[in-house]
Amino acid sequence: MEEAEEATASASNLIKQQTPWFDENDLTGVYHAISPKDSANVVNGVATYGPWELVQYLDSLIYDLWVECASMNGIGLGYGLIMTAGMTRLVLTPFILNSQLVSHKYKLLGPDMDEVTANMKRY
């Protein structure tokens, strides 16, 4: 039992170190929402956040990328943000193109769908 409490305390301290902007005045309960639900899983390396673990990973990935781009050659946070946005858009380009292609296909099918709908209304 003491090990579980100790693990909870260490996990809580780790989160407080990683998220210094949360304080005791957190009225929305955000700190509680991101803290591990079962501290025994933290020690075993088992997922504790559910689907939000992916969101947290992506958030830390993009933030680390932003800071890395900003510190590269000392270009600053503004240009680092622009570079991060560009790289993110580059990664998402295949999904965007597929979405636009499907949208264009539906647009071309519009007149045919209207004709089918009109024929179906007769029956």
C-alpha atoms as a PDB file:
ATOM      1  CA  MET A   1       0.000   0.000   0.000  1.00  0.00           C
ATOM      2  CA  GLU A   2       2.871   2.330   0.804  1.00  0.00           C
ATOM      3  CA  GLU A   3       4.403   1.628  -2.602  1.00  0.00           C
ATOM      4  CA  ALA A   4       1.206   2.712  -4.335  1.00  0.00           C
ATOM      5  CA  GLU A   5       1.063   5.930  -2.304  1.00  0.00           C
ATOM      6  CA  GLU A   6       4.730   6.560  -3.004  1.00  0.00           C
ATOM      7  CA  ALA A   7       4.179   5.960  -6.720  1.00  0.00           C
ATOM      8  CA  THR A   8       1.204   8.338  -6.670  1.00  0.00           C
ATOM      9  CA  ALA A   9       3.278  11.004  -4.942  1.00  0.00           C
ATOM     10  CA  SER A  10       6.183  10.592  -7.362  1.00  0.00           C
ATOM     11  CA  ALA A  11       3.846  10.687 -10.383  1.00  0.00           C
ATOM     12  CA  SER A  12       2.140  13.770  -8.974  1.00  0.00           C
ATOM     13  CA  ASN A  13       5.480  15.475  -8.406  1.00  0.00           C
ATOM     14  CA  LEU A  14       6.595  14.576 -11.926  1.00  0.00           C
ATOM     15  CA  ILE A  15       3.453  16.108 -13.419  1.00  0.00           C
ATOM     16  CA  LYS A  16       3.885  19.235 -11.283  1.00  0.00           C
ATOM     17  CA  GLN A  17       7.450  19.583 -12.556  1.00  0.00           C
ATOM     18  CA  GLN A  18       6.357  19.156 -16.163  1.00  0.00           C
ATOM     19  CA  THR A  19       3.358  21.482 -15.835  1.00  0.00           C
ATOM     20  CA  PRO A  20       4.450  24.396 -13.644  1.00  0.00           C
ATOM     21  CA  TRP A  21       1.635  26.631 -14.921  1.00  0.00           C
ATOM     22  CA  PHE A  22      -0.985  24.668 -12.960  1.00  0.00           C
ATOM     23  CA  ASP A  23      -1.482  25.875  -9.426  1.00  0.00           C
ATOM     24  CA  GLU A  24      -3.791  25.352  -6.481  1.00  0.00           C
ATOM     25  CA  ASN A  25      -6.324  27.783  -7.999  1.00  0.00           C
ATOM     26  CA  ASP A  26      -7.192  25.405 -10.844  1.00  0.00           C
ATOM     27  CA  LEU A  27     -10.973  25.671 -10.607  1.00  0.00           C
ATOM     28  CA  THR A  28     -11.676  23.758 -13.815  1.00  0.00           C
ATOM     29  CA  GLY A  29     -10.044  20.573 -12.594  1.00  0.00           C
ATOM     30  CA  VAL A  30      -7.607  20.391 -15.482  1.00  0.00           C
ATOM     31  CA  TYR A  31      -4.818  19.142 -13.256  1.00  0.00           C
ATOM     32  CA  HIS A  32      -7.000  16.281 -12.034  1.00  0.00           C
ATOM     33  CA  ALA A  33      -8.002  15.441 -15.617  1.00  0.00           C
ATOM     34  CA  ILE A  34      -4.399  14.955 -16.781  1.00  0.00           C
ATOM     35  CA  SER A  35      -3.063  13.236 -13.686  1.00  0.00           C
ATOM     36  CA  PRO A  36      -2.717   9.438 -13.763  1.00  0.00           C
ATOM     37  CA  LYS A  37      -5.849   7.638 -12.653  1.00  0.00           C
ATOM     38  CA  ASP A  38      -4.150   4.470 -11.473  1.00  0.00           C
ATOM     39  CA  SER A  39      -0.649   5.172 -10.225  1.00  0.00           C
ATOM     40  CA  ALA A  40       0.264   1.474 -10.208  1.00  0.00           C
ATOM     41  CA  ASN A  41       0.135   1.578 -14.004  1.00  0.00           C
ATOM     42  CA  VAL A  42       2.757   4.321 -14.106  1.00  0.00           C
ATOM     43  CA  VAL A  43       5.330   2.045 -12.503  1.00  0.00           C
ATOM     44  CA  ASN A  44       4.508  -0.838 -14.840  1.00  0.00           C
ATOM     45  CA  GLY A  45       4.541   1.353 -17.944  1.00  0.00           C
ATOM     46  CA  VAL A  46       0.900   0.638 -18.782  1.00  0.00           C
ATOM     47  CA  ALA A  47      -1.212   3.376 -20.355  1.00  0.00           C
ATOM     48  CA  THR A  48      -3.127   5.419 -17.785  1.00  0.00           C
ATOM     49  CA  TYR A  49      -4.717   8.229 -19.801  1.00  0.00           C
ATOM     50  CA  GLY A  50      -6.736   6.278 -22.313  1.00  0.00           C
ATOM     51  CA  PRO A  51      -7.203   8.140 -25.615  1.00  0.00           C
ATOM     52  CA  TRP A  52      -5.844  11.326 -24.046  1.00  0.00           C
ATOM     53  CA  GLU A  53      -2.424   9.722 -23.831  1.00  0.00           C
ATOM     54  CA  LEU A  54      -2.163  10.126 -27.613  1.00  0.00           C
ATOM     55  CA  VAL A  55      -3.269  13.751 -27.383  1.00  0.00           C
ATOM     56  CA  GLN A  56      -0.686  14.409 -24.683  1.00  0.00           C
ATOM     57  CA  TYR A  57       2.020  12.725 -26.773  1.00  0.00           C
ATOM     58  CA  LEU A  58       1.140  14.783 -29.859  1.00  0.00           C
ATOM     59  CA  ASP A  59       1.043  17.956 -27.773  1.00  0.00           C
ATOM     60  CA  SER A  60       4.490  17.325 -26.335  1.00  0.00           C
ATOM     61  CA  LEU A  61       5.804  16.324 -29.774  1.00  0.00           C
ATOM     62  CA  ILE A  62       4.605  19.549 -31.421  1.00  0.00           C
ATOM     63  CA  TYR A  63       5.766  21.691 -28.494  1.00  0.00           C
ATOM     64  CA  ASP A  64       9.217  20.081 -28.533  1.00  0.00           C
ATOM     65  CA  LEU A  65       9.381  20.554 -32.299  1.00  0.00           C
ATOM     66  CA  TRP A  66       8.447  24.221 -31.881  1.00  0.00           C
ATOM     67  CA  VAL A  67      11.115  24.820 -29.249  1.00  0.00           C
ATOM     68  CA  GLU A  68      13.706  22.908 -31.287  1.00  0.00           C
ATOM     69  CA  CYS A  69      12.931  24.957 -34.398  1.00  0.00           C
ATOM     70  CA  ALA A  70      13.079  28.140 -32.333  1.00  0.00           C
ATOM     71  CA  SER A  71      16.430  27.308 -30.776  1.00  0.00           C
ATOM     72  CA  MET A  72      17.949  26.230 -34.089  1.00  0.00           C
ATOM     73  CA  ASN A  73      20.327  29.033 -35.105  1.00  0.00           C
ATOM     74  CA  GLY A  74      18.581  31.309 -32.600  1.00  0.00           C
ATOM     75  CA  ILE A  75      15.705  32.269 -34.910  1.00  0.00           C
ATOM     76  CA  GLY A  76      13.206  32.881 -32.105  1.00  0.00           C
ATOM     77  CA  LEU A  77       9.806  31.524 -31.138  1.00  0.00           C
ATOM     78  CA  GLY A  78       7.880  33.308 -33.903  1.00  0.00           C
ATOM     79  CA  TYR A  79       9.852  31.799 -36.745  1.00  0.00           C
ATOM     80  CA  GLY A  80       9.966  28.496 -34.860  1.00  0.00           C
ATOM     81  CA  LEU A  81       6.173  28.497 -34.771  1.00  0.00           C
ATOM     82  CA  ILE A  82       6.029  29.250 -38.494  1.00  0.00           C
ATOM     83  CA  MET A  83       8.468  26.405 -39.222  1.00  0.00           C
ATOM     84  CA  THR A  84       6.492  24.019 -36.993  1.00  0.00           C
ATOM     85  CA  ALA A  85       3.244  24.956 -38.737  1.00  0.00           C
ATOM     86  CA  GLY A  86       4.884  24.385 -42.119  1.00  0.00           C
ATOM     87  CA  MET A  87       6.240  20.985 -41.109  1.00  0.00           C
ATOM     88  CA  THR A  88       2.871  19.964 -39.653  1.00  0.00           C
ATOM     89  CA  ARG A  89       1.114  21.008 -42.852  1.00  0.00           C
ATOM     90  CA  LEU A  90       3.676  19.053 -44.872  1.00  0.00           C
ATOM     91  CA  VAL A  91       2.996  15.927 -42.801  1.00  0.00           C
ATOM     92  CA  LEU A  92      -0.779  16.337 -43.170  1.00  0.00           C
ATOM     93  CA  THR A  93      -0.664  17.085 -46.922  1.00  0.00           C
ATOM     94  CA  PRO A  94      -1.598  13.530 -48.037  1.00  0.00           C
ATOM     95  CA  PHE A  95      -4.731  13.602 -45.860  1.00  0.00           C
ATOM     96  CA  ILE A  96      -5.675  17.070 -47.082  1.00  0.00           C
ATOM     97  CA  LEU A  97      -5.248  16.066 -50.736  1.00  0.00           C
ATOM     98  CA  ASN A  98      -7.336  12.933 -50.241  1.00  0.00           C
ATOM     99  CA  SER A  99     -10.085  14.952 -48.590  1.00  0.00           C
ATOM    100  CA  GLN A 100     -10.089  17.472 -51.435  1.00  0.00           C
ATOM    101  CA  LEU A 101     -10.183  14.678 -54.022  1.00  0.00           C
ATOM    102  CA  VAL A 102     -13.178  13.018 -52.363  1.00  0.00           C
ATOM    103  CA  SER A 103     -14.930  16.385 -52.069  1.00  0.00           C
ATOM    104  CA  HIS A 104     -14.368  17.054 -55.767  1.00  0.00           C
ATOM    105  CA  LYS A 105     -15.753  13.623 -56.683  1.00  0.00           C
ATOM    106  CA  TYR A 106     -18.903  14.275 -54.636  1.00  0.00           C
ATOM    107  CA  LYS A 107     -19.249  17.632 -56.327  1.00  0.00           C
ATOM    108  CA  LEU A 108     -19.132  15.923 -59.728  1.00  0.00           C
ATOM    109  CA  LEU A 109     -21.735  13.379 -58.575  1.00  0.00           C
ATOM    110  CA  GLY A 110     -24.125  16.116 -57.427  1.00  0.00           C
ATOM    111  CA  PRO A 111     -26.204  16.368 -60.638  1.00  0.00           C
ATOM    112  CA  ASP A 112     -26.503  12.586 -60.896  1.00  0.00           C
ATOM    113  CA  MET A 113     -27.605  12.376 -57.266  1.00  0.00           C
ATOM    114  CA  ASP A 114     -30.257  15.044 -57.896  1.00  0.00           C
ATOM    115  CA  GLU A 115     -31.552  13.027 -60.834  1.00  0.00           C
ATOM    116  CA  VAL A 116     -31.676   9.817 -58.795  1.00  0.00           C
ATOM    117  CA  THR A 117     -33.423  11.639 -55.945  1.00  0.00           C
ATOM    118  CA  ALA A 118     -36.003  13.059 -58.369  1.00  0.00           C
ATOM    119  CA  ASN A 119     -36.665   9.596 -59.811  1.00  0.00           C
ATOM    120  CA  MET A 120     -37.048   8.126 -56.339  1.00  0.00           C
ATOM    121  CA  LYS A 121     -39.607  10.773 -55.350  1.00  0.00           C
ATOM    122  CA  ARG A 122     -41.943   9.509 -58.067  1.00  0.00           C
ATOM    123  CA  TYR A 123     -42.292   6.168 -56.325  1.00  0.00           C
END
